[in-house]
Amino acid sequence: MANASTSLMVRLDPDSKLFVTRAAELRHVSVSEYVRSVVVAQARREIQAAEQQVIALTPAEQRAFWEALQEPTALTAAQQALGVLMRGE
């Protein structure tokens, strides 16, 4: 049974299906082959990252994370009160 396979059904909204179909056409493969290659590769990356306890971010996610770190945070009233308390003011 080394070559046995199982099926997986996925429901997509029409826009998502259109994108997946178009992406498969660009690679000149069937929709099933496209989904299989992309999903399995992504699943492997996520499992490896989880096993290594590493957070893997795409370039867009890296940029969003960096931008979020650059924005000054507004302290809540409770945080400001705690700061006053800790400074002994």
PDB file of N, CA and C in Angstrom:
ATOM      1  N   MET A   1       0.811  -1.200   0.000  1.00  0.00           N
ATOM      2  CA  MET A   1       0.000   0.000   0.000  1.00  0.00           C
ATOM      3  C   MET A   1       0.855   1.264   0.000  1.00  0.00           C
ATOM      4  N   ALA A   2       2.092   1.163  -0.425  1.00  0.00           N
ATOM      5  CA  ALA A   2       2.971   2.325  -0.444  1.00  0.00           C
ATOM      6  C   ALA A   2       2.468   3.397  -1.399  1.00  0.00           C
ATOM      7  N   ASN A   3       1.749   2.995  -2.439  1.00  0.00           N
ATOM      8  CA  ASN A   3       1.251   3.952  -3.414  1.00  0.00           C
ATOM      9  C   ASN A   3      -0.209   4.324  -3.189  1.00  0.00           C
ATOM     10  N   ALA A   4      -0.803   3.856  -2.125  1.00  0.00           N
ATOM     11  CA  ALA A   4      -2.205   4.166  -1.850  1.00  0.00           C
ATOM     12  C   ALA A   4      -2.339   5.642  -1.525  1.00  0.00           C
ATOM     13  N   SER A   5      -3.462   6.216  -1.913  1.00  0.00           N
ATOM     14  CA  SER A   5      -3.712   7.619  -1.596  1.00  0.00           C
ATOM     15  C   SER A   5      -5.115   7.750  -1.032  1.00  0.00           C
ATOM     16  N   THR A   6      -5.335   8.832  -0.349  1.00  0.00           N
ATOM     17  CA  THR A   6      -6.654   9.118   0.199  1.00  0.00           C
ATOM     18  C   THR A   6      -7.117  10.451  -0.350  1.00  0.00           C
ATOM     19  N   SER A   7      -8.412  10.661  -0.298  1.00  0.00           N
ATOM     20  CA  SER A   7      -8.943  11.914  -0.842  1.00  0.00           C
ATOM     21  C   SER A   7      -9.217  12.902   0.283  1.00  0.00           C
ATOM     22  N   LEU A   8      -9.257  14.160  -0.104  1.00  0.00           N
ATOM     23  CA  LEU A   8      -9.538  15.250   0.816  1.00  0.00           C
ATOM     24  C   LEU A   8     -10.443  16.221   0.077  1.00  0.00           C
ATOM     25  N   MET A   9     -11.587  16.528   0.654  1.00  0.00           N
ATOM     26  CA  MET A   9     -12.504  17.453   0.010  1.00  0.00           C
ATOM     27  C   MET A   9     -12.364  18.822   0.675  1.00  0.00           C
ATOM     28  N   VAL A  10     -12.274  19.848  -0.143  1.00  0.00           N
ATOM     29  CA  VAL A  10     -12.145  21.207   0.356  1.00  0.00           C
ATOM     30  C   VAL A  10     -13.221  22.060  -0.291  1.00  0.00           C
ATOM     31  N   ARG A  11     -13.916  22.832   0.512  1.00  0.00           N
ATOM     32  CA  ARG A  11     -14.923  23.740  -0.020  1.00  0.00           C
ATOM     33  C   ARG A  11     -14.323  25.134  -0.102  1.00  0.00           C
ATOM     34  N   LEU A  12     -14.503  25.773  -1.255  1.00  0.00           N
ATOM     35  CA  LEU A  12     -13.982  27.114  -1.468  1.00  0.00           C
ATOM     36  C   LEU A  12     -15.098  28.025  -1.966  1.00  0.00           C
ATOM     37  N   ASP A  13     -14.999  29.287  -1.617  1.00  0.00           N
ATOM     38  CA  ASP A  13     -15.921  30.250  -2.197  1.00  0.00           C
ATOM     39  C   ASP A  13     -15.514  30.448  -3.659  1.00  0.00           C
ATOM     40  N   PRO A  14     -16.404  30.965  -4.490  1.00  0.00           N
ATOM     41  CA  PRO A  14     -16.097  31.088  -5.924  1.00  0.00           C
ATOM     42  C   PRO A  14     -14.818  31.879  -6.232  1.00  0.00           C
ATOM     43  N   ASP A  15     -14.571  32.962  -5.515  1.00  0.00           N
ATOM     44  CA  ASP A  15     -13.350  33.737  -5.769  1.00  0.00           C
ATOM     45  C   ASP A  15     -12.098  32.930  -5.457  1.00  0.00           C
ATOM     46  N   SER A  16     -12.112  32.229  -4.327  1.00  0.00           N
ATOM     47  CA  SER A  16     -10.954  31.417  -3.955  1.00  0.00           C
ATOM     48  C   SER A  16     -10.710  30.324  -4.981  1.00  0.00           C
ATOM     49  N   LYS A  17     -11.786  29.685  -5.438  1.00  0.00           N
ATOM     50  CA  LYS A  17     -11.639  28.621  -6.435  1.00  0.00           C
ATOM     51  C   LYS A  17     -11.061  29.184  -7.724  1.00  0.00           C
ATOM     52  N   LEU A  18     -11.480  30.375  -8.087  1.00  0.00           N
ATOM     53  CA  LEU A  18     -10.956  31.005  -9.294  1.00  0.00           C
ATOM     54  C   LEU A  18      -9.452  31.237  -9.178  1.00  0.00           C
ATOM     55  N   PHE A  19      -9.007  31.720  -8.014  1.00  0.00           N
ATOM     56  CA  PHE A  19      -7.575  31.946  -7.805  1.00  0.00           C
ATOM     57  C   PHE A  19      -6.797  30.640  -7.850  1.00  0.00           C
ATOM     58  N   VAL A  20      -7.309  29.611  -7.199  1.00  0.00           N
ATOM     59  CA  VAL A  20      -6.613  28.325  -7.186  1.00  0.00           C
ATOM     60  C   VAL A  20      -6.550  27.745  -8.598  1.00  0.00           C
ATOM     61  N   THR A  21      -7.649  27.833  -9.316  1.00  0.00           N
ATOM     62  CA  THR A  21      -7.680  27.320 -10.687  1.00  0.00           C
ATOM     63  C   THR A  21      -6.690  28.074 -11.573  1.00  0.00           C
ATOM     64  N   ARG A  22      -6.667  29.368 -11.448  1.00  0.00           N
ATOM     65  CA  ARG A  22      -5.742  30.186 -12.255  1.00  0.00           C
ATOM     66  C   ARG A  22      -4.282  29.862 -11.914  1.00  0.00           C
ATOM     67  N   ALA A  23      -3.992  29.720 -10.624  1.00  0.00           N
ATOM     68  CA  ALA A  23      -2.630  29.387 -10.208  1.00  0.00           C
ATOM     69  C   ALA A  23      -2.206  28.027 -10.765  1.00  0.00           C
ATOM     70  N   ALA A  24      -3.125  27.075 -10.761  1.00  0.00           N
ATOM     71  CA  ALA A  24      -2.824  25.755 -11.325  1.00  0.00           C
ATOM     72  C   ALA A  24      -2.547  25.867 -12.817  1.00  0.00           C
ATOM     73  N   GLU A  25      -3.338  26.684 -13.505  1.00  0.00           N
ATOM     74  CA  GLU A  25      -3.120  26.878 -14.943  1.00  0.00           C
ATOM     75  C   GLU A  25      -1.738  27.484 -15.207  1.00  0.00           C
ATOM     76  N   LEU A  26      -1.339  28.429 -14.369  1.00  0.00           N
ATOM     77  CA  LEU A  26      -0.025  29.055 -14.547  1.00  0.00           C
ATOM     78  C   LEU A  26       1.108  28.041 -14.414  1.00  0.00           C
ATOM     79  N   ARG A  27       0.910  27.033 -13.574  1.00  0.00           N
ATOM     80  CA  ARG A  27       1.934  25.988 -13.387  1.00  0.00           C
ATOM     81  C   ARG A  27       1.751  24.835 -14.368  1.00  0.00           C
ATOM     82  N   HIS A  28       0.673  24.879 -15.147  1.00  0.00           N
ATOM     83  CA  HIS A  28       0.369  23.817 -16.105  1.00  0.00           C
ATOM     84  C   HIS A  28       0.163  22.479 -15.409  1.00  0.00           C
ATOM     85  N   VAL A  29      -0.567  22.509 -14.291  1.00  0.00           N
ATOM     86  CA  VAL A  29      -0.904  21.283 -13.565  1.00  0.00           C
ATOM     87  C   VAL A  29      -2.397  21.313 -13.249  1.00  0.00           C
ATOM     88  N   SER A  30      -2.912  20.178 -12.843  1.00  0.00           N
ATOM     89  CA  SER A  30      -4.329  20.124 -12.449  1.00  0.00           C
ATOM     90  C   SER A  30      -4.522  20.867 -11.133  1.00  0.00           C
ATOM     91  N   VAL A  31      -5.758  21.204 -10.853  1.00  0.00           N
ATOM     92  CA  VAL A  31      -6.063  21.869  -9.584  1.00  0.00           C
ATOM     93  C   VAL A  31      -5.669  20.962  -8.424  1.00  0.00           C
ATOM     94  N   SER A  32      -5.961  19.672  -8.542  1.00  0.00           N
ATOM     95  CA  SER A  32      -5.597  18.733  -7.471  1.00  0.00           C
ATOM     96  C   SER A  32      -4.093  18.702  -7.244  1.00  0.00           C
ATOM     97  N   GLU A  33      -3.322  18.650  -8.332  1.00  0.00           N
ATOM     98  CA  GLU A  33      -1.864  18.623  -8.195  1.00  0.00           C
ATOM     99  C   GLU A  33      -1.355  19.934  -7.603  1.00  0.00           C
ATOM    100  N   TYR A  34      -1.936  21.047  -8.007  1.00  0.00           N
ATOM    101  CA  TYR A  34      -1.526  22.347  -7.460  1.00  0.00           C
ATOM    102  C   TYR A  34      -1.790  22.402  -5.957  1.00  0.00           C
ATOM    103  N   VAL A  35      -3.008  22.049  -5.556  1.00  0.00           N
ATOM    104  CA  VAL A  35      -3.355  22.087  -4.135  1.00  0.00           C
ATOM    105  C   VAL A  35      -2.458  21.136  -3.357  1.00  0.00           C
ATOM    106  N   ARG A  36      -2.255  19.935  -3.889  1.00  0.00           N
ATOM    107  CA  ARG A  36      -1.407  18.947  -3.211  1.00  0.00           C
ATOM    108  C   ARG A  36       0.008  19.483  -3.034  1.00  0.00           C
ATOM    109  N   SER A  37       0.600  20.046  -4.066  1.00  0.00           N
ATOM    110  CA  SER A  37       1.987  20.499  -3.965  1.00  0.00           C
ATOM    111  C   SER A  37       2.117  21.698  -3.030  1.00  0.00           C
ATOM    112  N   VAL A  38       1.199  22.639  -3.107  1.00  0.00           N
ATOM    113  CA  VAL A  38       1.290  23.841  -2.277  1.00  0.00           C
ATOM    114  C   VAL A  38       0.958  23.532  -0.820  1.00  0.00           C
ATOM    115  N   VAL A  39      -0.107  22.803  -0.587  1.00  0.00           N
ATOM    116  CA  VAL A  39      -0.529  22.528   0.789  1.00  0.00           C
ATOM    117  C   VAL A  39       0.464  21.632   1.505  1.00  0.00           C
ATOM    118  N   VAL A  40       0.933  20.599   0.848  1.00  0.00           N
ATOM    119  CA  VAL A  40       1.878  19.683   1.499  1.00  0.00           C
ATOM    120  C   VAL A  40       3.193  20.407   1.810  1.00  0.00           C
ATOM    121  N   ALA A  41       3.676  21.217   0.876  1.00  0.00           N
ATOM    122  CA  ALA A  41       4.915  21.964   1.123  1.00  0.00           C
ATOM    123  C   ALA A  41       4.745  22.924   2.300  1.00  0.00           C
ATOM    124  N   GLN A  42       3.630  23.636   2.344  1.00  0.00           N
ATOM    125  CA  GLN A  42       3.379  24.569   3.445  1.00  0.00           C
ATOM    126  C   GLN A  42       3.234  23.821   4.767  1.00  0.00           C
ATOM    127  N   ALA A  43       2.541  22.706   4.752  1.00  0.00           N
ATOM    128  CA  ALA A  43       2.372  21.915   5.971  1.00  0.00           C
ATOM    129  C   ALA A  43       3.726  21.442   6.500  1.00  0.00           C
ATOM    130  N   ARG A  44       4.602  21.004   5.607  1.00  0.00           N
ATOM    131  CA  ARG A  44       5.948  20.574   6.028  1.00  0.00           C
ATOM    132  C   ARG A  44       6.709  21.729   6.678  1.00  0.00           C
ATOM    133  N   ARG A  45       6.642  22.910   6.052  1.00  0.00           N
ATOM    134  CA  ARG A  45       7.348  24.072   6.619  1.00  0.00           C
ATOM    135  C   ARG A  45       6.804  24.405   8.010  1.00  0.00           C
ATOM    136  N   GLU A  46       5.496  24.380   8.164  1.00  0.00           N
ATOM    137  CA  GLU A  46       4.897  24.710   9.463  1.00  0.00           C
ATOM    138  C   GLU A  46       5.257  23.692  10.529  1.00  0.00           C
ATOM    139  N   ILE A  47       5.283  22.422  10.165  1.00  0.00           N
ATOM    140  CA  ILE A  47       5.654  21.378  11.129  1.00  0.00           C
ATOM    141  C   ILE A  47       7.116  21.524  11.526  1.00  0.00           C
ATOM    142  N   GLN A  48       7.991  21.767  10.561  1.00  0.00           N
ATOM    143  CA  GLN A  48       9.412  21.958  10.872  1.00  0.00           C
ATOM    144  C   GLN A  48       9.615  23.172  11.772  1.00  0.00           C
ATOM    145  N   ALA A  49       8.923  24.252  11.488  1.00  0.00           N
ATOM    146  CA  ALA A  49       9.049  25.447  12.323  1.00  0.00           C
ATOM    147  C   ALA A  49       8.547  25.173  13.731  1.00  0.00           C
ATOM    148  N   ALA A  50       7.443  24.463  13.847  1.00  0.00           N
ATOM    149  CA  ALA A  50       6.905  24.146  15.167  1.00  0.00           C
ATOM    150  C   ALA A  50       7.848  23.243  15.946  1.00  0.00           C
ATOM    151  N   GLU A  51       8.452  22.280  15.261  1.00  0.00           N
ATOM    152  CA  GLU A  51       9.388  21.375  15.927  1.00  0.00           C
ATOM    153  C   GLU A  51      10.643  22.102  16.374  1.00  0.00           C
ATOM    154  N   GLN A  52      11.040  23.123  15.639  1.00  0.00           N
ATOM    155  CA  GLN A  52      12.226  23.903  15.991  1.00  0.00           C
ATOM    156  C   GLN A  52      11.880  25.067  16.894  1.00  0.00           C
ATOM    157  N   GLN A  53      10.595  25.228  17.195  1.00  0.00           N
ATOM    158  CA  GLN A  53      10.095  26.326  18.015  1.00  0.00           C
ATOM    159  C   GLN A  53      10.527  27.670  17.431  1.00  0.00           C
ATOM    160  N   VAL A  54      10.377  27.777  16.111  1.00  0.00           N
ATOM    161  CA  VAL A  54      10.728  28.981  15.383  1.00  0.00           C
ATOM    162  C   VAL A  54       9.461  29.520  14.734  1.00  0.00           C
ATOM    163  N   ILE A  55       9.278  30.807  14.805  1.00  0.00           N
ATOM    164  CA  ILE A  55       8.157  31.428  14.134  1.00  0.00           C
ATOM    165  C   ILE A  55       8.628  31.849  12.751  1.00  0.00           C
ATOM    166  N   ALA A  56       8.015  31.295  11.737  1.00  0.00           N
ATOM    167  CA  ALA A  56       8.388  31.618  10.363  1.00  0.00           C
ATOM    168  C   ALA A  56       7.382  32.621   9.809  1.00  0.00           C
ATOM    169  N   LEU A  57       7.891  33.743   9.315  1.00  0.00           N
ATOM    170  CA  LEU A  57       7.035  34.779   8.755  1.00  0.00           C
ATOM    171  C   LEU A  57       7.371  34.995   7.287  1.00  0.00           C
ATOM    172  N   THR A  58       6.346  35.228   6.506  1.00  0.00           N
ATOM    173  CA  THR A  58       6.566  35.580   5.107  1.00  0.00           C
ATOM    174  C   THR A  58       7.159  36.984   5.064  1.00  0.00           C
ATOM    175  N   PRO A  59       7.715  37.398   3.933  1.00  0.00           N
ATOM    176  CA  PRO A  59       8.229  38.769   3.851  1.00  0.00           C
ATOM    177  C   PRO A  59       7.175  39.824   4.209  1.00  0.00           C
ATOM    178  N   ALA A  60       5.947  39.633   3.772  1.00  0.00           N
ATOM    179  CA  ALA A  60       4.886  40.596   4.101  1.00  0.00           C
ATOM    180  C   ALA A  60       4.594  40.590   5.600  1.00  0.00           C
ATOM    181  N   GLU A  61       4.592  39.396   6.212  1.00  0.00           N
ATOM    182  CA  GLU A  61       4.368  39.310   7.653  1.00  0.00           C
ATOM    183  C   GLU A  61       5.533  39.916   8.433  1.00  0.00           C
ATOM    184  N   GLN A  62       6.758  39.722   7.940  1.00  0.00           N
ATOM    185  CA  GLN A  62       7.924  40.320   8.587  1.00  0.00           C
ATOM    186  C   GLN A  62       7.816  41.837   8.586  1.00  0.00           C
ATOM    187  N   ARG A  63       7.419  42.392   7.448  1.00  0.00           N
ATOM    188  CA  ARG A  63       7.288  43.847   7.349  1.00  0.00           C
ATOM    189  C   ARG A  63       6.194  44.357   8.288  1.00  0.00           C
ATOM    190  N   ALA A  64       5.049  43.673   8.309  1.00  0.00           N
ATOM    191  CA  ALA A  64       3.952  44.090   9.187  1.00  0.00           C
ATOM    192  C   ALA A  64       4.386  44.023  10.650  1.00  0.00           C
ATOM    193  N   PHE A  65       5.124  42.986  11.015  1.00  0.00           N
ATOM    194  CA  PHE A  65       5.613  42.843  12.386  1.00  0.00           C
ATOM    195  C   PHE A  65       6.569  43.977  12.729  1.00  0.00           C
ATOM    196  N   TRP A  66       7.510  44.255  11.824  1.00  0.00           N
ATOM    197  CA  TRP A  66       8.479  45.335  12.048  1.00  0.00           C
ATOM    198  C   TRP A  66       7.765  46.678  12.174  1.00  0.00           C
ATOM    199  N   GLU A  67       6.800  46.935  11.304  1.00  0.00           N
ATOM    200  CA  GLU A  67       6.070  48.198  11.360  1.00  0.00           C
ATOM    201  C   GLU A  67       5.292  48.318  12.669  1.00  0.00           C
ATOM    202  N   ALA A  68       4.725  47.219  13.134  1.00  0.00           N
ATOM    203  CA  ALA A  68       3.993  47.245  14.399  1.00  0.00           C
ATOM    204  C   ALA A  68       4.927  47.563  15.562  1.00  0.00           C
ATOM    205  N   LEU A  69       6.158  47.060  15.495  1.00  0.00           N
ATOM    206  CA  LEU A  69       7.125  47.341  16.557  1.00  0.00           C
ATOM    207  C   LEU A  69       7.594  48.788  16.539  1.00  0.00           C
ATOM    208  N   GLN A  70       7.523  49.431  15.386  1.00  0.00           N
ATOM    209  CA  GLN A  70       7.998  50.806  15.253  1.00  0.00           C
ATOM    210  C   GLN A  70       6.995  51.842  15.765  1.00  0.00           C
ATOM    211  N   GLU A  71       5.728  51.452  15.841  1.00  0.00           N
ATOM    212  CA  GLU A  71       4.702  52.392  16.275  1.00  0.00           C
ATOM    213  C   GLU A  71       4.735  52.544  17.796  1.00  0.00           C
ATOM    214  N   PRO A  72       4.708  53.787  18.278  1.00  0.00           N
ATOM    215  CA  PRO A  72       4.672  53.971  19.728  1.00  0.00           C
ATOM    216  C   PRO A  72       3.339  53.456  20.274  1.00  0.00           C
ATOM    217  N   THR A  73       3.411  52.891  21.445  1.00  0.00           N
ATOM    218  CA  THR A  73       2.189  52.374  22.055  1.00  0.00           C
ATOM    219  C   THR A  73       1.620  53.404  23.015  1.00  0.00           C
ATOM    220  N   ALA A  74       0.313  53.448  23.072  1.00  0.00           N
ATOM    221  CA  ALA A  74      -0.363  54.330  24.023  1.00  0.00           C
ATOM    222  C   ALA A  74      -0.672  53.500  25.271  1.00  0.00           C
ATOM    223  N   LEU A  75      -0.164  53.951  26.404  1.00  0.00           N
ATOM    224  CA  LEU A  75      -0.392  53.215  27.643  1.00  0.00           C
ATOM    225  C   LEU A  75      -1.817  53.423  28.118  1.00  0.00           C
ATOM    226  N   THR A  76      -2.384  52.375  28.677  1.00  0.00           N
ATOM    227  CA  THR A  76      -3.709  52.490  29.271  1.00  0.00           C
ATOM    228  C   THR A  76      -3.577  53.215  30.606  1.00  0.00           C
ATOM    229  N   ALA A  77      -4.699  53.647  31.141  1.00  0.00           N
ATOM    230  CA  ALA A  77      -4.685  54.326  32.437  1.00  0.00           C
ATOM    231  C   ALA A  77      -4.096  53.409  33.509  1.00  0.00           C
ATOM    232  N   ALA A  78      -4.431  52.118  33.453  1.00  0.00           N
ATOM    233  CA  ALA A  78      -3.910  51.168  34.437  1.00  0.00           C
ATOM    234  C   ALA A  78      -2.391  51.033  34.310  1.00  0.00           C
ATOM    235  N   GLN A  79      -1.877  51.015  33.089  1.00  0.00           N
ATOM    236  CA  GLN A  79      -0.429  50.913  32.888  1.00  0.00           C
ATOM    237  C   GLN A  79       0.276  52.179  33.378  1.00  0.00           C
ATOM    238  N   GLN A  80      -0.332  53.325  33.127  1.00  0.00           N
ATOM    239  CA  GLN A  80       0.258  54.581  33.615  1.00  0.00           C
ATOM    240  C   GLN A  80       0.264  54.614  35.140  1.00  0.00           C
ATOM    241  N   ALA A  81      -0.814  54.166  35.753  1.00  0.00           N
ATOM    242  CA  ALA A  81      -0.884  54.130  37.220  1.00  0.00           C
ATOM    243  C   ALA A  81       0.160  53.172  37.785  1.00  0.00           C
ATOM    244  N   LEU A  82       0.351  52.046  37.132  1.00  0.00           N
ATOM    245  CA  LEU A  82       1.364  51.089  37.581  1.00  0.00           C
ATOM    246  C   LEU A  82       2.757  51.709  37.473  1.00  0.00           C
ATOM    247  N   GLY A  83       3.020  52.432  36.404  1.00  0.00           N
ATOM    248  CA  GLY A  83       4.300  53.094  36.246  1.00  0.00           C
ATOM    249  C   GLY A  83       4.554  54.097  37.368  1.00  0.00           C
ATOM    250  N   VAL A  84       3.539  54.870  37.703  1.00  0.00           N
ATOM    251  CA  VAL A  84       3.662  55.846  38.791  1.00  0.00           C
ATOM    252  C   VAL A  84       3.962  55.106  40.098  1.00  0.00           C
ATOM    253  N   LEU A  85       3.244  54.028  40.334  1.00  0.00           N
ATOM    254  CA  LEU A  85       3.431  53.233  41.552  1.00  0.00           C
ATOM    255  C   LEU A  85       4.847  52.643  41.612  1.00  0.00           C
ATOM    256  N   MET A  86       5.309  52.103  40.516  1.00  0.00           N
ATOM    257  CA  MET A  86       6.627  51.466  40.500  1.00  0.00           C
ATOM    258  C   MET A  86       7.756  52.499  40.652  1.00  0.00           C
ATOM    259  N   ARG A  87       7.548  53.694  40.166  1.00  0.00           N
ATOM    260  CA  ARG A  87       8.552  54.747  40.305  1.00  0.00           C
ATOM    261  C   ARG A  87       8.482  55.417  41.670  1.00  0.00           C
ATOM    262  N   GLY A  88       7.452  55.078  42.446  1.00  0.00           N
ATOM    263  CA  GLY A  88       7.301  55.651  43.790  1.00  0.00           C
ATOM    264  C   GLY A  88       6.848  57.100  43.782  1.00  0.00           C
ATOM    265  N   GLU A  89       6.186  57.495  42.771  1.00  0.00           N
ATOM    266  CA  GLU A  89       5.727  58.876  42.644  1.00  0.00           C
ATOM    267  C   GLU A  89       4.411  59.081  43.380  1.00  0.00           C
TER     268      GLU A  89
END
